[in-house]
């Protein structure tokens, strides 16, 4: 994985990606050795789709998960 999405000196463009990759490394892949590339893909998909988006609370989203934030936004009529 290459977390950097922008050129040097343009830190605000990739702040969200850098934050996500930092959390991913700390919470999921640190000290893990995957037996295959497919095992890594499956584990990362599970983390993102089954925990990070629907359950994990995000400070930038008002302390709710991204799924809950989007649901509330859709209900507000915006």
N, C-alpha and C. Protein backbone atom coordinates (compact mmCIF):
# COMPACT_ATOMS: atom_id res chain seq x y z
N UNK A 1 0.83 -1.17 0.00
CA UNK A 1 0.00 0.00 0.00
C UNK A 1 0.88 1.24 0.00
N UNK A 2 0.43 2.25 -0.73
CA UNK A 2 1.12 3.52 -0.76
C UNK A 2 0.14 4.58 -0.30
N UNK A 3 0.23 5.04 0.97
CA UNK A 3 -0.77 5.95 1.51
C UNK A 3 -0.71 7.37 0.98
N UNK A 4 0.43 7.81 0.49
CA UNK A 4 0.54 9.20 0.06
C UNK A 4 -0.18 9.40 -1.27
N UNK A 5 -1.05 10.41 -1.34
CA UNK A 5 -1.86 10.65 -2.52
C UNK A 5 -1.52 11.97 -3.21
N UNK A 6 -0.55 12.68 -2.71
CA UNK A 6 -0.29 14.01 -3.22
C UNK A 6 1.20 14.25 -3.34
N UNK A 7 1.55 15.37 -3.95
CA UNK A 7 2.97 15.69 -4.08
C UNK A 7 3.50 16.26 -2.77
N UNK A 8 4.76 16.30 -2.64
CA UNK A 8 5.41 16.80 -1.44
C UNK A 8 5.03 18.27 -1.19
N UNK A 9 4.78 18.58 0.08
CA UNK A 9 4.46 19.95 0.46
C UNK A 9 2.99 20.31 0.33
N UNK A 10 2.16 19.38 -0.11
CA UNK A 10 0.73 19.65 -0.28
C UNK A 10 -0.03 18.73 0.67
N UNK A 11 0.21 18.92 1.97
CA UNK A 11 -0.24 17.95 2.96
C UNK A 11 -1.76 17.88 3.14
N UNK A 12 -2.48 18.94 2.85
CA UNK A 12 -3.92 18.92 3.11
C UNK A 12 -4.68 18.05 2.11
N UNK A 13 -4.13 17.84 0.94
CA UNK A 13 -4.82 17.01 -0.04
C UNK A 13 -4.93 15.56 0.40
N UNK A 14 -3.96 15.08 1.16
CA UNK A 14 -3.99 13.67 1.51
C UNK A 14 -4.14 13.43 3.01
N UNK A 15 -4.57 14.41 3.76
CA UNK A 15 -4.71 14.25 5.22
C UNK A 15 -5.70 13.14 5.58
N UNK A 16 -6.80 13.04 4.87
CA UNK A 16 -7.80 12.01 5.16
C UNK A 16 -7.22 10.62 4.87
N UNK A 17 -6.55 10.49 3.74
CA UNK A 17 -5.95 9.19 3.40
C UNK A 17 -4.85 8.82 4.39
N UNK A 18 -4.02 9.77 4.77
CA UNK A 18 -2.96 9.50 5.74
C UNK A 18 -3.56 9.07 7.08
N UNK A 19 -4.62 9.71 7.50
CA UNK A 19 -5.28 9.36 8.76
C UNK A 19 -5.85 7.95 8.68
N UNK A 20 -6.52 7.62 7.58
CA UNK A 20 -7.11 6.30 7.42
C UNK A 20 -6.04 5.21 7.46
N UNK A 21 -4.95 5.40 6.70
CA UNK A 21 -3.90 4.39 6.67
C UNK A 21 -3.23 4.24 8.03
N UNK A 22 -3.10 5.33 8.76
CA UNK A 22 -2.52 5.26 10.10
C UNK A 22 -3.40 4.42 11.02
N UNK A 23 -4.70 4.67 10.99
CA UNK A 23 -5.64 3.90 11.81
C UNK A 23 -5.65 2.44 11.38
N UNK A 24 -5.65 2.20 10.08
CA UNK A 24 -5.65 0.83 9.56
C UNK A 24 -4.43 0.07 10.06
N UNK A 25 -3.27 0.71 10.00
CA UNK A 25 -2.05 0.04 10.48
C UNK A 25 -2.12 -0.24 11.97
N UNK A 26 -2.57 0.74 12.76
CA UNK A 26 -2.61 0.56 14.22
C UNK A 26 -3.65 -0.47 14.64
N UNK A 27 -4.82 -0.42 14.04
CA UNK A 27 -5.93 -1.25 14.51
C UNK A 27 -6.01 -2.62 13.86
N UNK A 28 -5.41 -2.79 12.69
CA UNK A 28 -5.65 -4.05 12.00
C UNK A 28 -4.40 -4.81 11.57
N UNK A 29 -3.46 -4.17 10.91
CA UNK A 29 -2.40 -4.96 10.29
C UNK A 29 -1.08 -4.96 11.05
N UNK A 30 -0.96 -4.19 12.11
CA UNK A 30 0.30 -4.17 12.86
C UNK A 30 0.57 -5.55 13.46
N UNK A 31 1.75 -6.04 13.23
CA UNK A 31 2.22 -7.34 13.74
C UNK A 31 1.46 -8.53 13.16
N UNK A 32 0.80 -8.36 12.02
CA UNK A 32 0.14 -9.50 11.38
C UNK A 32 0.95 -9.92 10.16
N UNK A 33 0.99 -11.20 9.93
CA UNK A 33 1.61 -11.74 8.73
C UNK A 33 0.52 -12.53 8.01
N UNK A 34 0.22 -12.11 6.81
CA UNK A 34 -0.82 -12.77 6.04
C UNK A 34 -0.20 -13.89 5.20
N UNK A 35 -0.84 -15.04 5.15
CA UNK A 35 -0.28 -16.16 4.38
C UNK A 35 -0.33 -15.94 2.87
N UNK A 36 -1.22 -15.06 2.42
CA UNK A 36 -1.32 -14.80 0.99
C UNK A 36 -1.88 -13.40 0.76
N UNK A 37 -1.75 -12.92 -0.44
CA UNK A 37 -2.31 -11.62 -0.80
C UNK A 37 -3.83 -11.65 -0.68
N UNK A 38 -4.44 -12.76 -1.07
CA UNK A 38 -5.90 -12.88 -0.98
C UNK A 38 -6.37 -12.84 0.47
N UNK A 39 -5.62 -13.45 1.37
CA UNK A 39 -5.98 -13.41 2.80
C UNK A 39 -5.92 -11.98 3.32
N UNK A 40 -4.91 -11.23 2.89
CA UNK A 40 -4.80 -9.82 3.29
C UNK A 40 -5.97 -9.02 2.75
N UNK A 41 -6.30 -9.22 1.48
CA UNK A 41 -7.43 -8.50 0.88
C UNK A 41 -8.73 -8.80 1.61
N UNK A 42 -8.96 -10.06 1.91
CA UNK A 42 -10.18 -10.46 2.60
C UNK A 42 -10.25 -9.83 3.99
N UNK A 43 -9.14 -9.86 4.71
CA UNK A 43 -9.11 -9.29 6.06
C UNK A 43 -9.33 -7.77 6.02
N UNK A 44 -8.70 -7.08 5.09
CA UNK A 44 -8.87 -5.63 4.99
C UNK A 44 -10.28 -5.26 4.55
N UNK A 45 -10.86 -6.02 3.64
CA UNK A 45 -12.24 -5.78 3.23
C UNK A 45 -13.17 -5.94 4.43
N UNK A 46 -12.95 -7.01 5.21
CA UNK A 46 -13.76 -7.25 6.41
C UNK A 46 -13.64 -6.08 7.39
N UNK A 47 -12.43 -5.61 7.61
CA UNK A 47 -12.21 -4.50 8.54
C UNK A 47 -12.95 -3.25 8.08
N UNK A 48 -12.81 -2.90 6.81
CA UNK A 48 -13.40 -1.66 6.29
C UNK A 48 -14.92 -1.75 6.22
N UNK A 49 -15.42 -2.82 5.65
CA UNK A 49 -16.86 -2.93 5.40
C UNK A 49 -17.67 -3.43 6.59
N UNK A 50 -17.05 -4.16 7.50
CA UNK A 50 -17.80 -4.72 8.62
C UNK A 50 -17.56 -3.98 9.93
N UNK A 51 -16.48 -3.18 10.01
CA UNK A 51 -16.21 -2.46 11.25
C UNK A 51 -16.00 -0.97 11.02
N UNK A 52 -15.04 -0.60 10.19
CA UNK A 52 -14.64 0.80 10.06
C UNK A 52 -15.79 1.70 9.60
N UNK A 53 -16.50 1.31 8.58
CA UNK A 53 -17.60 2.14 8.09
C UNK A 53 -18.88 2.03 8.91
N UNK A 54 -19.36 0.83 9.25
CA UNK A 54 -20.66 0.77 9.95
C UNK A 54 -20.61 0.92 11.46
N UNK A 55 -19.47 0.66 12.11
CA UNK A 55 -19.44 0.62 13.57
C UNK A 55 -18.50 1.64 14.20
N UNK A 56 -17.29 1.74 13.69
CA UNK A 56 -16.27 2.58 14.33
C UNK A 56 -16.70 4.04 14.33
N UNK A 57 -16.63 4.66 15.50
CA UNK A 57 -17.02 6.07 15.63
C UNK A 57 -15.89 6.97 15.16
N UNK A 58 -16.25 8.03 14.46
CA UNK A 58 -15.28 8.97 13.91
C UNK A 58 -15.50 10.34 14.53
N UNK A 59 -14.45 10.91 15.07
CA UNK A 59 -14.55 12.23 15.68
C UNK A 59 -14.96 13.31 14.70
N UNK A 60 -14.48 13.20 13.47
CA UNK A 60 -14.82 14.21 12.47
C UNK A 60 -16.27 14.11 12.00
N UNK A 61 -16.94 13.02 12.34
CA UNK A 61 -18.35 12.83 11.96
C UNK A 61 -19.27 13.00 13.16
N UNK A 62 -18.80 13.71 14.16
CA UNK A 62 -19.63 13.95 15.34
C UNK A 62 -19.74 12.76 16.27
N UNK A 63 -18.77 11.85 16.23
CA UNK A 63 -18.78 10.71 17.13
C UNK A 63 -19.67 9.57 16.69
N UNK A 64 -20.06 9.55 15.43
CA UNK A 64 -20.87 8.44 14.91
C UNK A 64 -20.11 7.78 13.76
N UNK A 65 -20.56 6.61 13.36
CA UNK A 65 -19.92 5.90 12.25
C UNK A 65 -20.26 6.60 10.93
N UNK A 66 -19.46 6.38 9.89
CA UNK A 66 -19.78 6.97 8.60
C UNK A 66 -21.15 6.55 8.06
N UNK A 67 -21.53 5.31 8.28
CA UNK A 67 -22.84 4.84 7.82
C UNK A 67 -23.96 5.60 8.54
N UNK A 68 -23.81 5.76 9.85
CA UNK A 68 -24.82 6.49 10.63
C UNK A 68 -24.84 7.96 10.23
N UNK A 69 -23.69 8.55 10.00
CA UNK A 69 -23.61 9.95 9.58
C UNK A 69 -24.36 10.16 8.26
N UNK A 70 -24.12 9.27 7.29
CA UNK A 70 -24.81 9.38 5.99
C UNK A 70 -26.31 9.17 6.14
N UNK A 71 -26.72 8.24 7.01
CA UNK A 71 -28.15 8.00 7.23
C UNK A 71 -28.82 9.25 7.79
N UNK A 72 -28.17 9.86 8.78
CA UNK A 72 -28.73 11.09 9.36
C UNK A 72 -28.78 12.22 8.35
N UNK A 73 -27.76 12.31 7.54
CA UNK A 73 -27.70 13.37 6.52
C UNK A 73 -28.84 13.18 5.51
N UNK A 74 -29.06 11.92 5.09
CA UNK A 74 -30.13 11.64 4.12
C UNK A 74 -31.50 11.97 4.73
N UNK A 75 -31.68 11.68 5.99
CA UNK A 75 -32.96 11.95 6.66
C UNK A 75 -33.20 13.46 6.85
N UNK A 76 -32.13 14.24 6.90
CA UNK A 76 -32.30 15.66 7.13
C UNK A 76 -32.78 16.40 5.89
N UNK A 77 -32.76 15.70 4.75
CA UNK A 77 -33.26 16.29 3.51
C UNK A 77 -32.25 17.10 2.72
N UNK A 78 -30.99 17.03 3.07
CA UNK A 78 -29.94 17.75 2.34
C UNK A 78 -29.45 17.01 1.16
